[in-house]
Structure formats: structure tokens, C-alpha cells
C-alpha atoms as a PDB file:
ATOM      1  CA  MET A   1     108.126  76.847  59.639  1.00  0.00           C
ATOM      2  CA  ALA A   2     107.228  80.524  59.952  1.00  0.00           C
ATOM      3  CA  ASP A   3     108.336  82.773  57.108  1.00  0.00           C
ATOM      4  CA  VAL A   4     110.263  85.450  59.020  1.00  0.00           C
ATOM      5  CA  ASN A   5     110.690  87.559  55.871  1.00  0.00           C
ATOM      6  CA  ALA A   6     106.944  87.816  55.250  1.00  0.00           C
ATOM      7  CA  LYS A   7     105.467  91.254  55.571  1.00  0.00           C
ATOM      8  CA  LEU A   8     101.853  91.995  56.321  1.00  0.00           C
ATOM      9  CA  MET A   9     100.532  94.358  53.697  1.00  0.00           C
ATOM     10  CA  SER A  10      97.134  95.935  53.378  1.00  0.00           C
ATOM     11  CA  SER A  11      95.486  97.479  50.373  1.00  0.00           C
ATOM     12  CA  PRO A  12      94.544 101.162  50.597  1.00  0.00           C
ATOM     13  CA  LEU A  13      91.281 100.132  48.898  1.00  0.00           C
ATOM     14  CA  PRO A  14      89.573  97.380  50.906  1.00  0.00           C
ATOM     15  CA  TYR A  15      88.170  94.640  48.705  1.00  0.00           C
ATOM     16  CA  ALA A  16      89.520  96.390  45.598  1.00  0.00           C
ATOM     17  CA  ASN A  17      89.465  93.128  43.649  1.00  0.00           C
ATOM     18  CA  ALA A  18      86.190  91.705  44.929  1.00  0.00           C
ATOM     19  CA  ASP A  19      84.967  91.354  41.326  1.00  0.00           C
ATOM     20  CA  ILE A  20      87.566  88.696  40.484  1.00  0.00           C
ATOM     21  CA  PRO A  21      85.433  85.688  41.554  1.00  0.00           C
ATOM     22  CA  ALA A  22      82.378  87.057  39.736  1.00  0.00           C
ATOM     23  CA  ASN A  23      84.352  87.412  36.474  1.00  0.00           C
ATOM     24  CA  TRP A  24      86.775  84.498  36.898  1.00  0.00           C
ATOM     25  CA  GLU A  25      86.279  82.948  33.457  1.00  0.00           C
ATOM     26  CA  ASN A  26      86.861  86.338  31.756  1.00  0.00           C
ATOM     27  CA  ARG A  27      90.268  86.795  33.387  1.00  0.00           C
ATOM     28  CA  ASN A  28      93.568  85.211  32.485  1.00  0.00           C
ATOM     29  CA  ILE A  29      94.187  83.551  35.864  1.00  0.00           C
ATOM     30  CA  LEU A  30      97.691  82.082  36.131  1.00  0.00           C
ATOM     31  CA  GLN A  31      97.979  81.039  39.785  1.00  0.00           C
ATOM     32  CA  VAL A  32      96.032  81.063  43.017  1.00  0.00           C
ATOM     33  CA  LYS A  33      97.818  81.092  46.378  1.00  0.00           C
ATOM     34  CA  ILE A  34      96.278  80.481  49.792  1.00  0.00           C
ATOM     35  CA  GLU A  35      98.195  81.441  52.928  1.00  0.00           C
ATOM     36  CA  VAL A  36      97.616  81.442  56.661  1.00  0.00           C
ATOM     37  CA  TYR A  37      99.386  83.963  58.901  1.00  0.00           C
ATOM     38  CA  SER A  38      99.749  84.092  62.652  1.00  0.00           C
ATOM     39  CA  SER A  39     101.060  87.243  64.366  1.00  0.00           C
ATOM     40  CA  GLY A  40     102.220  88.599  60.991  1.00  0.00           C
ATOM     41  CA  LEU A  41     104.248  85.504  60.033  1.00  0.00           C
ATOM     42  CA  ARG A  42     103.261  83.140  57.232  1.00  0.00           C
ATOM     43  CA  GLN A  43     102.612  79.681  58.643  1.00  0.00           C
ATOM     44  CA  ALA A  44     101.215  77.784  55.647  1.00  0.00           C
ATOM     45  CA  CYS A  45     101.070  78.320  51.895  1.00  0.00           C
ATOM     46  CA  PHE A  46      99.689  76.415  48.893  1.00  0.00           C
ATOM     47  CA  VAL A  47     100.084  77.534  45.263  1.00  0.00           C
ATOM     48  CA  PHE A  48      97.762  76.226  42.546  1.00  0.00           C
ATOM     49  CA  ASN A  49      97.811  76.446  38.749  1.00  0.00           C
ATOM     50  CA  GLY A  50      94.850  78.673  37.901  1.00  0.00           C
ATOM     51  CA  GLN A  51      95.065  78.439  34.096  1.00  0.00           C
ATOM     52  CA  LYS A  52      91.792  77.425  32.415  1.00  0.00           C
ATOM     53  CA  SER A  53      90.164  76.978  35.823  1.00  0.00           C
ATOM     54  CA  THR A  54      86.842  78.054  37.240  1.00  0.00           C
ATOM     55  CA  VAL A  55      86.229  79.882  40.498  1.00  0.00           C
ATOM     56  CA  ILE A  56      85.843  76.436  42.117  1.00  0.00           C
ATOM     57  CA  SER A  57      88.090  74.065  40.113  1.00  0.00           C
ATOM     58  CA  TRP A  58      91.429  75.800  40.815  1.00  0.00           C
ATOM     59  CA  MET A  59      91.678  74.063  44.178  1.00  0.00           C
ATOM     60  CA  SER A  60      92.414  70.483  43.201  1.00  0.00           C
ATOM     61  CA  ARG A  61      95.205  67.962  43.755  1.00  0.00           C
ATOM     62  CA  ASP A  62      96.250  67.989  40.067  1.00  0.00           C
ATOM     63  CA  ARG A  63      96.578  71.785  40.097  1.00  0.00           C
ATOM     64  CA  LEU A  64      98.823  71.963  43.184  1.00  0.00           C
ATOM     65  CA  ILE A  65     102.177  73.461  42.185  1.00  0.00           C
ATOM     66  CA  CYS A  66     103.870  73.666  45.589  1.00  0.00           C
ATOM     67  CA  SER A  67     103.297  74.142  49.293  1.00  0.00           C
ATOM     68  CA  SER A  68     105.184  75.323  52.359  1.00  0.00           C
ATOM     69  CA  TYR A  69     105.118  71.791  53.727  1.00  0.00           C
ATOM     70  CA  GLN A  70     108.125  69.558  53.257  1.00  0.00           C
ATOM     71  CA  ALA A  71     106.929  67.698  50.162  1.00  0.00           C
ATOM     72  CA  PRO A  72     103.660  66.214  51.372  1.00  0.00           C
ATOM     73  CA  ASP A  73     102.668  63.260  49.207  1.00  0.00           C
ATOM     74  CA  HIS A  74     100.321  65.034  46.788  1.00  0.00           C
ATOM     75  CA  GLU A  75      98.714  61.723  45.854  1.00  0.00           C
ATOM     76  CA  LYS A  76      97.482  61.394  49.445  1.00  0.00           C
ATOM     77  CA  LEU A  77      96.019  64.874  49.591  1.00  0.00           C
ATOM     78  CA  ASP A  78      92.266  65.119  49.450  1.00  0.00           C
ATOM     79  CA  LEU A  79      91.844  68.714  48.332  1.00  0.00           C
ATOM     80  CA  LEU A  80      88.275  69.612  48.963  1.00  0.00           C
ATOM     81  CA  ASP A  81      86.524  72.133  46.847  1.00  0.00           C
ATOM     82  CA  VAL A  82      86.276  75.677  48.090  1.00  0.00           C
ATOM     83  CA  ALA A  83      82.947  74.995  49.806  1.00  0.00           C
ATOM     84  CA  GLY A  84      84.444  72.071  51.736  1.00  0.00           C
ATOM     85  CA  GLU A  85      82.584  69.929  54.216  1.00  0.00           C
ATOM     86  CA  ALA A  86      81.220  71.679  57.327  1.00  0.00           C
ATOM     87  CA  PRO A  87      82.749  72.886  59.531  1.00  0.00           C
ATOM     88  CA  PHE A  88      85.887  72.868  57.350  1.00  0.00           C
ATOM     89  CA  ARG A  89      86.221  75.256  54.384  1.00  0.00           C
ATOM     90  CA  PHE A  90      89.177  75.836  52.037  1.00  0.00           C
ATOM     91  CA  SER A  91      90.529  72.571  53.367  1.00  0.00           C
ATOM     92  CA  VAL A  92      93.663  70.702  52.394  1.00  0.00           C
ATOM     93  CA  HIS A  93      93.333  67.277  54.009  1.00  0.00           C
ATOM     94  CA  GLU A  94      95.080  63.941  53.800  1.00  0.00           C
ATOM     95  CA  THR A  95      92.137  62.083  55.301  1.00  0.00           C
ATOM     96  CA  ARG A  96      88.564  63.041  56.039  1.00  0.00           C
ATOM     97  CA  GLY A  97      86.564  61.534  58.831  1.00  0.00           C
ATOM     98  CA  GLY A  98      84.468  64.155  60.507  1.00  0.00           C
ATOM     99  CA  CYS A  99      85.602  65.955  63.622  1.00  0.00           C
ATOM    100  CA  GLU A 100      87.785  63.242  65.114  1.00  0.00           C
ATOM    101  CA  GLY A 101      89.035  61.467  61.984  1.00  0.00           C
ATOM    102  CA  THR A 102      90.211  64.354  59.811  1.00  0.00           C
ATOM    103  CA  CYS A 103      93.936  64.922  59.313  1.00  0.00           C
ATOM    104  CA  GLY A 104      94.847  68.059  57.410  1.00  0.00           C
ATOM    105  CA  PHE A 105      97.360  70.737  56.554  1.00  0.00           C
ATOM    106  CA  LEU A 106      95.096  73.782  56.371  1.00  0.00           C
ATOM    107  CA  SER A 107      91.463  74.600  56.974  1.00  0.00           C
ATOM    108  CA  ALA A 108      89.200  77.578  57.457  1.00  0.00           C
ATOM    109  CA  VAL A 109      86.759  76.640  60.229  1.00  0.00           C
ATOM    110  CA  GLU A 110      83.263  77.998  60.708  1.00  0.00           C
ATOM    111  CA  PRO A 111      82.485  79.517  64.104  1.00  0.00           C
ATOM    112  CA  GLY A 112      80.231  77.542  66.413  1.00  0.00           C
ATOM    113  CA  SER A 113      81.511  74.179  65.198  1.00  0.00           C
ATOM    114  CA  ASP A 114      79.735  71.063  66.443  1.00  0.00           C
ATOM    115  CA  CYS A 115      83.117  69.359  66.795  1.00  0.00           C
ATOM    116  CA  PRO A 116      83.832  68.847  70.508  1.00  0.00           C
ATOM    117  CA  SER A 117      87.583  69.317  69.951  1.00  0.00           C
ATOM    118  CA  LEU A 118      86.973  72.720  68.350  1.00  0.00           C
ATOM    119  CA  ALA A 119      84.334  73.883  70.826  1.00  0.00           C
ATOM    120  CA  GLY A 120      85.211  77.121  72.491  1.00  0.00           C
ATOM    121  CA  GLY A 121      87.054  78.378  69.408  1.00  0.00           C
ATOM    122  CA  PRO A 122      86.769  81.973  68.262  1.00  0.00           C
ATOM    123  CA  VAL A 123      83.298  83.323  67.489  1.00  0.00           C
ATOM    124  CA  ARG A 124      84.442  84.322  63.999  1.00  0.00           C
ATOM    125  CA  PRO A 125      85.817  82.012  61.285  1.00  0.00           C
ATOM    126  CA  TYR A 126      89.330  80.873  62.139  1.00  0.00           C
ATOM    127  CA  PHE A 127      92.144  79.129  60.347  1.00  0.00           C
ATOM    128  CA  LEU A 128      93.947  75.947  61.336  1.00  0.00           C
ATOM    129  CA  TYR A 129      97.347  74.924  59.979  1.00  0.00           C
ATOM    130  CA  SER A 130      99.498  71.875  60.649  1.00  0.00           C
ATOM    131  CA  THR A 131     102.578  72.490  62.782  1.00  0.00           C
ATOM    132  CA  ARG A 132     103.950  69.024  61.980  1.00  0.00           C
ATOM    133  CA  GLY A 133     106.266  69.768  59.025  1.00  0.00           C
ATOM    134  CA  SER A 134     105.443  67.232  56.309  1.00  0.00           C
ATOM    135  CA  SER A 135     102.730  65.471  58.343  1.00  0.00           C
ATOM    136  CA  CYS A 136      99.083  66.371  58.542  1.00  0.00           C
ATOM    137  CA  ALA A 137      97.568  67.527  61.825  1.00  0.00           C
ATOM    138  CA  ARG A 138      94.715  65.686  63.478  1.00  0.00           C
ATOM    139  CA  TRP A 139      92.329  68.529  64.171  1.00  0.00           C
ATOM    140  CA  HIS A 140      91.075  66.886  67.359  1.00  0.00           C
ATOM    141  CA  ARG A 141      94.594  67.107  68.864  1.00  0.00           C
ATOM    142  CA  GLY A 142      95.390  70.657  69.917  1.00  0.00           C
ATOM    143  CA  ASP A 143      99.152  70.017  70.036  1.00  0.00           C
ATOM    144  CA  GLU A 144      99.352  69.321  66.268  1.00  0.00           C
ATOM    145  CA  TYR A 145      97.970  72.545  64.837  1.00  0.00           C
ATOM    146  CA  GLY A 146      98.180  76.288  65.173  1.00  0.00           C
ATOM    147  CA  ILE A 147      95.438  78.868  64.761  1.00  0.00           C
ATOM    148  CA  GLY A 148      96.084  81.623  62.263  1.00  0.00           C
ATOM    149  CA  ASP A 149      94.653  85.104  62.485  1.00  0.00           C
ATOM    150  CA  LEU A 150      94.731  85.952  58.761  1.00  0.00           C
ATOM    151  CA  PHE A 151      93.710  83.893  55.715  1.00  0.00           C
ATOM    152  CA  VAL A 152      94.790  85.253  52.322  1.00  0.00           C
ATOM    153  CA  VAL A 153      93.734  84.170  48.834  1.00  0.00           C
ATOM    154  CA  SER A 154      95.897  85.791  46.151  1.00  0.00           C
ATOM    155  CA  VAL A 155      95.236  85.585  42.433  1.00  0.00           C
ATOM    156  CA  LEU A 156      97.978  86.116  39.839  1.00  0.00           C
ATOM    157  CA  MET A 157      96.590  87.298  36.506  1.00  0.00           C
ATOM    158  CA  CYS A 158      98.201  88.079  33.191  1.00  0.00           C
ATOM    159  CA  ASP A 159      96.888  91.405  31.954  1.00  0.00           C
ATOM    160  CA  LEU A 160      96.477  90.890  28.222  1.00  0.00           C
ATOM    161  CA  ASN A 161      95.528  94.543  27.715  1.00  0.00           C
ATOM    162  CA  SER A 162      98.910  96.036  28.555  1.00  0.00           C
END
């Protein structure tokens, strides 16, 4: 499922667009994309319709345009808001049930999780992605998910001033 054509790019100005969330409603946001990379290869991707959204509302089931997963049933997806439910953040889940009962496609995980299955994870936030094609991964089963080393949120805007 890795995107072998993906290239890791860095901005010469770190956090050059950090003001986007603070001024979300004043921008013409078209799309928002979240991606997880591992060793420079894209492992998971979700694209959302960002038009007429807020800094929180863009991440919802009805706004999902497409994903890198083989047509997951969007009606089954329980797209949590950006804040998520600890220890999972930016989560795209099919079912929620705490540490042992959650089955998802992508999640940013807080360090120091109380979940026994995630104990011993990195001491910084880390990013889980399903390695099961069109099926969600049960986060308590280490053979169903990968751990990404880069989490990217991209915002496509239409510049009305040019």
C-alpha cells in the first residue's frame, strides 16, 4: 500500500503556515488532506472537503472525498473530531471501544498511553495506520497496524487575491 512515488519534502521556512488554523474561517479552504508516512513512503491518506468548514468540522464522514484504503464503507466510519478521544487523536475509526475494542484506519497516539497494547511505544506522539487494505486495524493487535514516523496535514486554499 506504500506510495513509492511519494517524495518527502520540507519547507525552507518551518511552520510557515502556522496561522492557517487561527484564521481558518477567513480563508477559502477547498480541501484538507491527512497523511501518514513511514521511512519516506506514504502509508495512509484521507482527503476531506474543506469548503465552508471550521478548523474542527472539516474532519467528518460527510466531508470525506477519498482515502488510500480500498473503498472502506464510509457509512461505517466513525470520524472523530480533531481532538479525538484519548489516547487517540486525528482518528479515523470504524468502531470505538477503548484500548482493546477500537478498530481504525489511522490515529495519532499520545505518548504514555494507558492502553496496555500500546505500552512501551515511543515517548513522543506517534501515528498508527492500518496495514489491512480495506479493513480496519484492531489497535491492540500489533500485526494489523504500522507505525508512521511523519504525520502531515495539508490544506488546499483558493487564493482569491490573485
